N, C-alpha and C. Protein backbone atom coordinates (compact mmCIF):
# COMPACT_ATOMS: atom_id res chain seq x y z
N MET A 1 -7.77 -4.23 32.12
CA MET A 1 -7.28 -5.69 32.62
C MET A 1 -6.74 -5.54 34.09
N TYR A 2 -5.30 -5.35 34.11
CA TYR A 2 -4.75 -5.10 35.53
C TYR A 2 -4.59 -3.58 35.77
N HIS A 3 -4.48 -3.50 36.91
CA HIS A 3 -4.12 -1.92 37.62
C HIS A 3 -5.15 -0.94 37.10
N THR A 4 -6.46 -1.15 37.12
CA THR A 4 -7.21 -0.72 36.78
C THR A 4 -8.77 -0.90 37.69
N GLU A 5 -9.09 0.15 37.78
CA GLU A 5 -10.43 0.37 38.90
C GLU A 5 -11.42 -0.97 38.05
N PRO A 6 -12.05 -1.11 39.29
CA PRO A 6 -13.20 -2.03 38.62
C PRO A 6 -14.44 -1.07 38.42
N PRO A 7 -15.46 -1.53 37.80
CA PRO A 7 -16.40 -0.81 37.53
C PRO A 7 -17.11 -0.38 38.74
N THR A 8 -18.06 0.83 38.89
CA THR A 8 -18.78 1.28 39.62
C THR A 8 -20.30 0.60 40.24
N ASP A 9 -20.94 0.53 40.83
CA ASP A 9 -21.94 0.10 40.92
C ASP A 9 -22.90 0.98 39.86
N LYS A 10 -22.57 2.07 40.02
CA LYS A 10 -23.96 2.80 38.65
C LYS A 10 -23.57 2.37 37.45
N THR A 11 -22.02 1.76 36.99
CA THR A 11 -22.14 1.35 35.86
C THR A 11 -22.49 -0.15 35.57
N ILE A 12 -22.53 -1.15 36.68
CA ILE A 12 -23.10 -2.21 36.79
C ILE A 12 -24.65 -2.14 36.49
N ARG A 13 -25.53 -1.22 37.12
CA ARG A 13 -26.91 -0.98 36.90
C ARG A 13 -27.39 -0.72 36.05
N GLU A 14 -26.23 0.29 35.06
CA GLU A 14 -26.52 0.64 33.56
C GLU A 14 -26.56 -0.50 33.08
N TRP A 15 -25.54 -1.52 33.00
CA TRP A 15 -25.30 -2.88 32.29
C TRP A 15 -26.45 -3.83 32.23
N TYR A 16 -26.82 -4.05 33.41
CA TYR A 16 -28.16 -4.62 34.08
C TYR A 16 -29.40 -4.65 33.26
N MET A 17 -29.31 -2.88 33.41
CA MET A 17 -30.81 -2.21 32.78
C MET A 17 -30.49 -2.49 31.29
N LYS A 18 -29.51 -2.16 30.47
CA LYS A 18 -29.46 -2.29 29.09
C LYS A 18 -29.70 -3.99 28.80
N PHE A 19 -29.06 -4.71 29.45
CA PHE A 19 -29.36 -6.23 29.23
C PHE A 19 -30.67 -6.53 29.28
N GLN A 20 -31.62 -5.70 30.16
CA GLN A 20 -33.28 -6.21 30.42
C GLN A 20 -33.84 -5.71 29.22
N GLN A 21 -33.55 -4.97 28.86
CA GLN A 21 -33.98 -4.15 27.54
C GLN A 21 -33.67 -4.20 26.43
N SER A 22 -32.57 -4.99 26.09
CA SER A 22 -32.59 -5.36 24.66
C SER A 22 -31.51 -6.89 24.82
N ASP A 23 -31.60 -7.46 25.35
CA ASP A 23 -31.07 -8.78 25.82
C ASP A 23 -29.60 -9.09 25.08
N CYS A 24 -28.46 -7.46 25.32
CA CYS A 24 -27.10 -7.48 24.72
C CYS A 24 -26.83 -6.70 25.13
N LEU A 25 -25.57 -6.99 25.45
CA LEU A 25 -24.53 -5.36 26.02
C LEU A 25 -23.93 -4.51 24.70
N CYS A 26 -24.14 -4.46 23.65
CA CYS A 26 -23.37 -4.65 22.53
C CYS A 26 -24.09 -2.87 22.48
N ALA A 27 -22.77 -2.29 21.81
CA ALA A 27 -22.91 -0.50 21.88
C ALA A 27 -24.03 -0.56 20.45
N SER A 28 -25.03 0.62 20.70
CA SER A 28 -25.79 0.89 20.07
C SER A 28 -25.42 1.32 18.76
N LYS A 29 -25.93 1.56 17.45
CA LYS A 29 -25.83 2.42 16.47
C LYS A 29 -25.64 3.67 16.53
N ARG A 30 -24.63 4.34 16.33
CA ARG A 30 -24.67 5.82 16.71
C ARG A 30 -25.21 6.66 15.51
N ASN A 31 -25.41 7.78 15.51
CA ASN A 31 -25.94 8.77 14.77
C ASN A 31 -24.90 9.58 14.22
N GLY A 32 -24.52 9.35 12.90
CA GLY A 32 -23.27 10.05 12.38
C GLY A 32 -23.96 10.45 10.91
N ARG A 33 -22.83 10.91 10.27
CA ARG A 33 -22.91 11.51 8.67
C ARG A 33 -23.64 10.13 7.95
N PRO A 34 -24.56 9.82 7.17
CA PRO A 34 -24.75 9.11 6.63
C PRO A 34 -23.72 8.79 5.21
N GLY A 35 -23.35 7.20 4.66
CA GLY A 35 -22.62 7.09 4.30
C GLY A 35 -22.97 7.34 2.33
N PRO A 36 -22.57 7.18 1.42
CA PRO A 36 -23.08 7.25 0.14
C PRO A 36 -24.16 6.00 -0.37
N SER A 37 -25.03 6.74 -1.37
CA SER A 37 -26.15 5.96 -1.37
C SER A 37 -25.93 4.97 -2.30
N THR A 38 -26.40 3.91 -2.14
CA THR A 38 -26.18 2.33 -3.32
C THR A 38 -25.76 2.78 -4.53
N LYS A 39 -27.01 3.62 -5.28
CA LYS A 39 -27.06 4.45 -6.56
C LYS A 39 -25.90 4.61 -6.70
N THR A 40 -25.17 5.71 -5.69
CA THR A 40 -24.18 6.29 -6.37
C THR A 40 -22.92 5.82 -6.26
N VAL A 41 -23.01 4.44 -5.25
CA VAL A 41 -21.80 3.60 -5.22
C VAL A 41 -21.77 2.52 -6.56
N GLU A 42 -22.97 2.62 -7.06
CA GLU A 42 -22.98 1.45 -8.17
C GLU A 42 -22.95 2.52 -9.33
N ARG A 43 -22.70 3.67 -9.54
CA ARG A 43 -22.41 4.14 -10.41
C ARG A 43 -20.88 4.16 -10.67
N VAL A 44 -20.38 4.19 -9.55
CA VAL A 44 -18.95 4.74 -9.47
C VAL A 44 -18.21 3.03 -9.98
N ARG A 45 -19.08 2.19 -9.48
CA ARG A 45 -18.57 1.05 -9.37
C ARG A 45 -18.48 0.13 -10.91
N GLU A 46 -19.67 0.51 -11.85
CA GLU A 46 -19.91 0.65 -13.09
C GLU A 46 -18.98 1.61 -14.16
N THR A 47 -18.35 2.76 -13.67
CA THR A 47 -17.69 3.27 -14.71
C THR A 47 -16.28 2.64 -14.41
N PHE A 48 -16.11 2.40 -13.11
CA PHE A 48 -14.62 1.69 -13.25
C PHE A 48 -14.42 0.21 -13.69
N VAL A 49 -15.37 -0.47 -13.66
CA VAL A 49 -15.42 -1.66 -14.37
C VAL A 49 -15.58 -1.76 -15.95
N TRP A 50 -16.09 -0.43 -16.59
CA TRP A 50 -16.10 -0.37 -17.65
C TRP A 50 -14.51 -0.07 -18.39
N ASN A 51 -14.19 0.80 -17.34
CA ASN A 51 -12.90 1.64 -17.63
C ASN A 51 -11.95 1.53 -16.36
N PRO A 52 -11.17 0.49 -16.40
CA PRO A 52 -10.32 0.82 -14.77
C PRO A 52 -9.12 1.69 -15.03
N GLN A 53 -8.66 2.03 -15.74
CA GLN A 53 -7.71 2.82 -15.78
C GLN A 53 -7.90 4.53 -15.40
N LYS A 54 -9.34 4.37 -15.37
CA LYS A 54 -9.40 5.79 -15.58
C LYS A 54 -8.91 6.41 -13.95
N SER A 55 -8.76 7.53 -13.86
CA SER A 55 -8.20 8.14 -12.46
C SER A 55 -9.20 8.62 -11.93
N THR A 56 -9.16 8.86 -10.54
CA THR A 56 -10.40 9.58 -9.86
C THR A 56 -10.87 10.76 -10.23
N HIS A 57 -9.83 11.82 -10.59
CA HIS A 57 -9.99 12.91 -10.60
C HIS A 57 -10.77 13.12 -11.98
N ARG A 58 -10.63 12.18 -13.07
CA ARG A 58 -11.57 12.37 -14.49
C ARG A 58 -12.67 11.68 -14.08
N GLU A 59 -13.25 10.81 -13.29
CA GLU A 59 -14.36 10.03 -13.04
C GLU A 59 -15.22 11.00 -12.01
N SER A 60 -14.32 11.92 -11.19
CA SER A 60 -15.36 12.56 -10.22
C SER A 60 -15.96 13.92 -11.20
N ARG A 61 -15.20 14.22 -12.20
CA ARG A 61 -15.80 15.52 -12.99
C ARG A 61 -16.60 14.84 -14.21
N GLU A 62 -16.35 13.48 -14.72
CA GLU A 62 -18.12 12.63 -15.31
C GLU A 62 -18.50 12.62 -14.22
N LEU A 63 -18.91 11.81 -13.13
CA LEU A 63 -19.98 12.13 -12.42
C LEU A 63 -20.34 13.08 -11.70
N GLN A 64 -19.86 14.40 -11.66
CA GLN A 64 -20.07 15.54 -10.91
C GLN A 64 -20.21 15.24 -9.34
N MET A 65 -19.56 14.59 -8.90
CA MET A 65 -19.21 14.74 -7.37
C MET A 65 -17.65 14.85 -6.57
N PRO A 66 -17.43 15.08 -5.60
CA PRO A 66 -16.11 15.40 -4.97
C PRO A 66 -15.46 14.07 -5.42
N GLN A 67 -13.71 14.39 -5.66
CA GLN A 67 -12.91 13.37 -6.31
C GLN A 67 -12.77 12.51 -4.69
N SER A 68 -12.77 13.11 -3.74
CA SER A 68 -12.50 12.24 -2.52
C SER A 68 -13.57 11.04 -2.25
N SER A 69 -14.76 11.78 -2.57
CA SER A 69 -15.78 10.45 -2.49
C SER A 69 -15.79 9.48 -2.98
N VAL A 70 -15.32 9.88 -4.34
CA VAL A 70 -14.75 9.04 -5.49
C VAL A 70 -13.89 7.90 -4.81
N TRP A 71 -13.00 8.19 -4.23
CA TRP A 71 -11.63 7.67 -3.93
C TRP A 71 -12.25 7.25 -2.55
N CYS A 72 -12.68 7.43 -1.79
CA CYS A 72 -13.51 6.64 -0.16
C CYS A 72 -14.37 5.65 -0.86
N ILE A 73 -14.97 5.98 -2.01
CA ILE A 73 -16.05 4.69 -2.14
C ILE A 73 -15.24 3.71 -3.06
N LEU A 74 -14.30 3.78 -3.51
CA LEU A 74 -13.28 2.80 -4.09
C LEU A 74 -12.60 2.09 -3.18
N ARG A 75 -12.12 2.52 -2.12
CA ARG A 75 -11.31 2.13 -1.04
C ARG A 75 -11.94 1.26 -0.16
N LYS A 76 -12.85 2.15 0.45
CA LYS A 76 -13.85 1.61 1.51
C LYS A 76 -14.90 0.51 1.03
N ARG A 77 -15.58 0.91 0.19
CA ARG A 77 -16.91 0.38 -0.03
C ARG A 77 -16.53 -0.77 -1.01
N LEU A 78 -16.13 -0.21 -2.27
CA LEU A 78 -15.73 -1.72 -3.14
C LEU A 78 -14.10 -2.07 -2.85
N ARG A 79 -13.49 -1.51 -2.07
CA ARG A 79 -12.22 -2.37 -1.72
C ARG A 79 -11.14 -2.60 -3.16
N VAL A 80 -11.39 -1.67 -4.05
CA VAL A 80 -10.27 -1.30 -4.90
C VAL A 80 -9.40 -0.66 -4.70
N ARG A 81 -7.98 -1.01 -5.04
CA ARG A 81 -6.64 -0.58 -4.97
C ARG A 81 -6.09 0.03 -5.87
N GLY A 82 -5.71 1.10 -6.29
CA GLY A 82 -4.94 1.55 -7.48
C GLY A 82 -3.63 1.03 -7.39
N TYR A 83 -3.50 0.48 -8.76
CA TYR A 83 -1.97 0.41 -8.84
C TYR A 83 -1.13 0.95 -10.20
N ARG A 84 -0.48 1.19 -10.56
CA ARG A 84 0.17 1.36 -11.70
C ARG A 84 1.20 0.45 -12.12
N LEU A 85 1.08 0.02 -13.67
CA LEU A 85 2.03 -1.28 -13.70
C LEU A 85 3.22 -0.54 -14.37
N GLN A 86 4.45 -1.06 -13.66
CA GLN A 86 5.87 -0.50 -14.22
C GLN A 86 6.64 -1.40 -14.94
N LEU A 87 7.60 -0.74 -15.91
CA LEU A 87 8.13 -1.64 -16.73
C LEU A 87 9.50 -1.95 -16.08
N LEU A 88 10.02 -2.77 -15.99
CA LEU A 88 11.28 -2.87 -15.77
C LEU A 88 12.21 -3.88 -16.68
N GLN A 89 13.19 -3.84 -16.19
CA GLN A 89 14.32 -4.67 -17.08
C GLN A 89 14.25 -5.86 -16.36
N ALA A 90 14.51 -6.74 -17.70
CA ALA A 90 14.42 -8.22 -17.53
C ALA A 90 15.83 -8.68 -17.37
N LEU A 91 16.10 -9.67 -16.50
CA LEU A 91 17.47 -10.29 -16.32
C LEU A 91 17.75 -11.26 -17.27
N ASN A 92 19.02 -11.11 -17.42
CA ASN A 92 19.30 -11.96 -18.64
C ASN A 92 20.12 -12.90 -17.82
N PRO A 93 20.52 -14.23 -18.70
CA PRO A 93 21.43 -15.16 -18.16
C PRO A 93 22.60 -15.03 -17.15
N GLN A 94 23.17 -14.09 -18.05
CA GLN A 94 24.37 -13.48 -17.03
C GLN A 94 24.15 -12.87 -15.87
N ASP A 95 22.81 -12.28 -15.80
CA ASP A 95 22.68 -11.53 -14.62
C ASP A 95 22.51 -12.22 -13.24
N TYR A 96 22.34 -13.60 -13.47
CA TYR A 96 22.30 -14.33 -12.01
C TYR A 96 23.76 -14.56 -11.54
N ASN A 97 25.09 -15.15 -12.52
CA ASN A 97 25.73 -14.98 -11.96
C ASN A 97 26.40 -13.74 -11.39
N PHE A 98 26.07 -12.63 -11.79
CA PHE A 98 26.71 -11.48 -11.39
C PHE A 98 26.19 -11.40 -9.88
N ARG A 99 25.10 -11.61 -9.79
CA ARG A 99 24.22 -11.48 -8.40
C ARG A 99 24.52 -12.43 -7.48
N PHE A 100 24.83 -13.33 -7.83
CA PHE A 100 25.11 -14.41 -6.66
C PHE A 100 26.75 -14.09 -6.34
N HIS A 101 27.32 -13.37 -7.11
CA HIS A 101 28.91 -13.18 -7.17
C HIS A 101 28.71 -11.62 -5.89
N LEU A 102 27.58 -10.64 -6.07
CA LEU A 102 27.12 -10.02 -5.06
C LEU A 102 26.91 -10.54 -3.62
N TRP A 103 26.24 -11.22 -3.98
CA TRP A 103 25.94 -12.59 -2.69
C TRP A 103 26.61 -12.66 -1.76
N GLU A 104 27.93 -12.90 -2.46
CA GLU A 104 28.83 -13.75 -1.91
C GLU A 104 29.73 -13.02 -1.17
N HIS A 105 29.95 -12.38 -1.63
CA HIS A 105 30.61 -10.80 -1.60
C HIS A 105 29.90 -9.72 -1.22
N PRO A 106 29.42 -9.48 -0.07
CA PRO A 106 28.55 -8.15 0.20
C PRO A 106 29.54 -6.86 0.07
N HIS A 107 30.77 -6.76 0.31
CA HIS A 107 31.40 -5.93 0.68
C HIS A 107 31.66 -5.10 -0.68
N VAL A 108 31.36 -5.87 -1.81
CA VAL A 108 31.76 -5.10 -2.95
C VAL A 108 30.16 -4.71 -3.60
N ILE A 109 30.44 -2.93 -3.94
CA ILE A 109 29.09 -2.44 -4.27
C ILE A 109 29.66 -2.10 -5.89
N THR A 110 28.42 -2.30 -6.53
CA THR A 110 28.38 -1.77 -8.06
C THR A 110 28.22 -0.27 -8.09
N SER A 111 28.51 0.18 -9.35
CA SER A 111 27.87 1.31 -9.82
C SER A 111 28.02 1.77 -11.29
N LEU A 112 26.99 2.11 -11.75
CA LEU A 112 26.97 2.43 -13.05
C LEU A 112 27.15 3.73 -12.98
N SER A 113 28.26 3.88 -13.96
CA SER A 113 28.30 5.28 -14.66
C SER A 113 27.31 6.00 -15.70
N PRO A 114 27.02 7.07 -16.13
CA PRO A 114 26.18 7.30 -16.96
C PRO A 114 26.58 7.17 -18.32
N ILE A 115 27.76 7.08 -18.82
CA ILE A 115 28.46 6.20 -19.90
C ILE A 115 28.09 4.66 -19.66
N GLN A 116 28.53 4.16 -19.01
CA GLN A 116 28.40 2.65 -18.89
C GLN A 116 26.61 2.21 -18.91
N SER A 117 25.63 2.82 -18.42
CA SER A 117 24.77 2.62 -17.99
C SER A 117 24.25 2.74 -19.73
N SER A 118 24.37 3.31 -20.77
CA SER A 118 23.69 3.44 -21.73
C SER A 118 24.28 2.14 -22.59
N VAL A 119 25.44 1.21 -22.01
CA VAL A 119 25.76 0.01 -22.84
C VAL A 119 24.34 -0.92 -23.12
N SER A 120 24.12 -1.74 -24.46
CA SER A 120 23.14 -2.45 -24.35
C SER A 120 22.87 -3.40 -23.48
N SER A 121 21.44 -4.11 -23.14
CA SER A 121 21.58 -5.05 -22.10
C SER A 121 21.99 -6.74 -22.55
N HIS A 122 22.79 -6.55 -23.91
CA HIS A 122 23.12 -8.12 -24.48
C HIS A 122 24.57 -7.97 -23.94
N SER A 123 25.19 -7.14 -23.39
CA SER A 123 26.69 -7.07 -23.25
C SER A 123 26.32 -8.05 -21.63
N SER A 124 27.91 -8.05 -21.18
CA SER A 124 27.77 -9.18 -20.43
C SER A 124 27.82 -8.27 -18.81
N PRO A 125 27.38 -8.65 -17.76
CA PRO A 125 27.48 -7.71 -16.59
C PRO A 125 29.12 -7.08 -16.43
N SER A 126 29.53 -7.96 -16.66
CA SER A 126 31.06 -7.36 -16.12
C SER A 126 31.90 -6.42 -16.88
N SER A 127 31.33 -5.98 -18.01
CA SER A 127 31.49 -4.89 -18.75
C SER A 127 30.51 -3.50 -18.56
N VAL A 128 29.55 -3.89 -17.62
CA VAL A 128 28.61 -2.71 -17.75
C VAL A 128 28.92 -2.20 -16.01
N CYS A 129 29.16 -2.92 -15.16
CA CYS A 129 29.27 -2.51 -13.64
C CYS A 129 30.46 -2.69 -13.23
N THR A 130 31.10 -1.56 -12.58
CA THR A 130 32.29 -1.33 -12.13
C THR A 130 32.27 -1.78 -10.58
N PRO A 131 32.91 -2.30 -10.39
CA PRO A 131 33.33 -2.83 -8.77
C PRO A 131 33.83 -1.76 -7.78
N ILE A 132 33.29 -1.44 -6.52
CA ILE A 132 34.04 -0.90 -5.79
C ILE A 132 34.06 -1.25 -4.68
N HIS A 133 34.99 -1.67 -4.03
CA HIS A 133 35.49 -2.16 -2.91
C HIS A 133 35.21 -0.94 -1.74
N ILE A 134 34.61 -1.43 -0.72
CA ILE A 134 34.43 -0.84 0.55
C ILE A 134 35.11 -1.49 1.61
N PRO A 135 35.91 -0.98 2.47
CA PRO A 135 36.45 -1.75 3.59
C PRO A 135 35.57 -2.06 4.50
N THR A 136 35.32 -2.91 5.21
CA THR A 136 34.52 -3.09 6.54
C THR A 136 34.85 -2.46 7.63
N HIS A 137 36.14 -2.35 8.10
CA HIS A 137 36.36 -1.83 9.30
C HIS A 137 37.80 -0.60 8.72
N THR A 138 37.53 0.56 9.37
CA THR A 138 38.79 1.44 9.11
C THR A 138 39.69 1.48 10.66
N THR A 139 40.77 1.75 10.12
CA THR A 139 41.88 1.73 11.38
C THR A 139 42.22 3.23 11.38
N VAL A 140 42.43 3.86 12.70
CA VAL A 140 42.70 5.13 12.88
C VAL A 140 44.12 5.24 13.15
N THR A 141 44.75 5.88 12.83
CA THR A 141 46.27 6.39 12.64
C THR A 141 46.66 7.15 13.53
């Protein structure tokens, strides 16, 4: 754009000739490694539709093709993103007040000791967490 050299006469002539021949200045399709066949893509799609929790390693053994090919077909061709469901702890009604208190006072950080973390989730948060005060500034003496 700016601070670049303008195209040379030769480049402009090449553009003109290309436009005369193809009515377009678009880049032509380059030769390269061919992608997977539609039959292969369909085989991978069918197996993952049938069992979406199957790993790419296991699927590659069953389809007798490289795992990287199965992964690329899933990600690039079929646009499937793998994810794993995770179980998280549910928030109790008491937790909301505790979280609001932490939001109001960010200099208070809570820590759970191994003994305290074994307490059941039915207990109140004040009995589970031990607040630790961290000073916001330090003075040098």
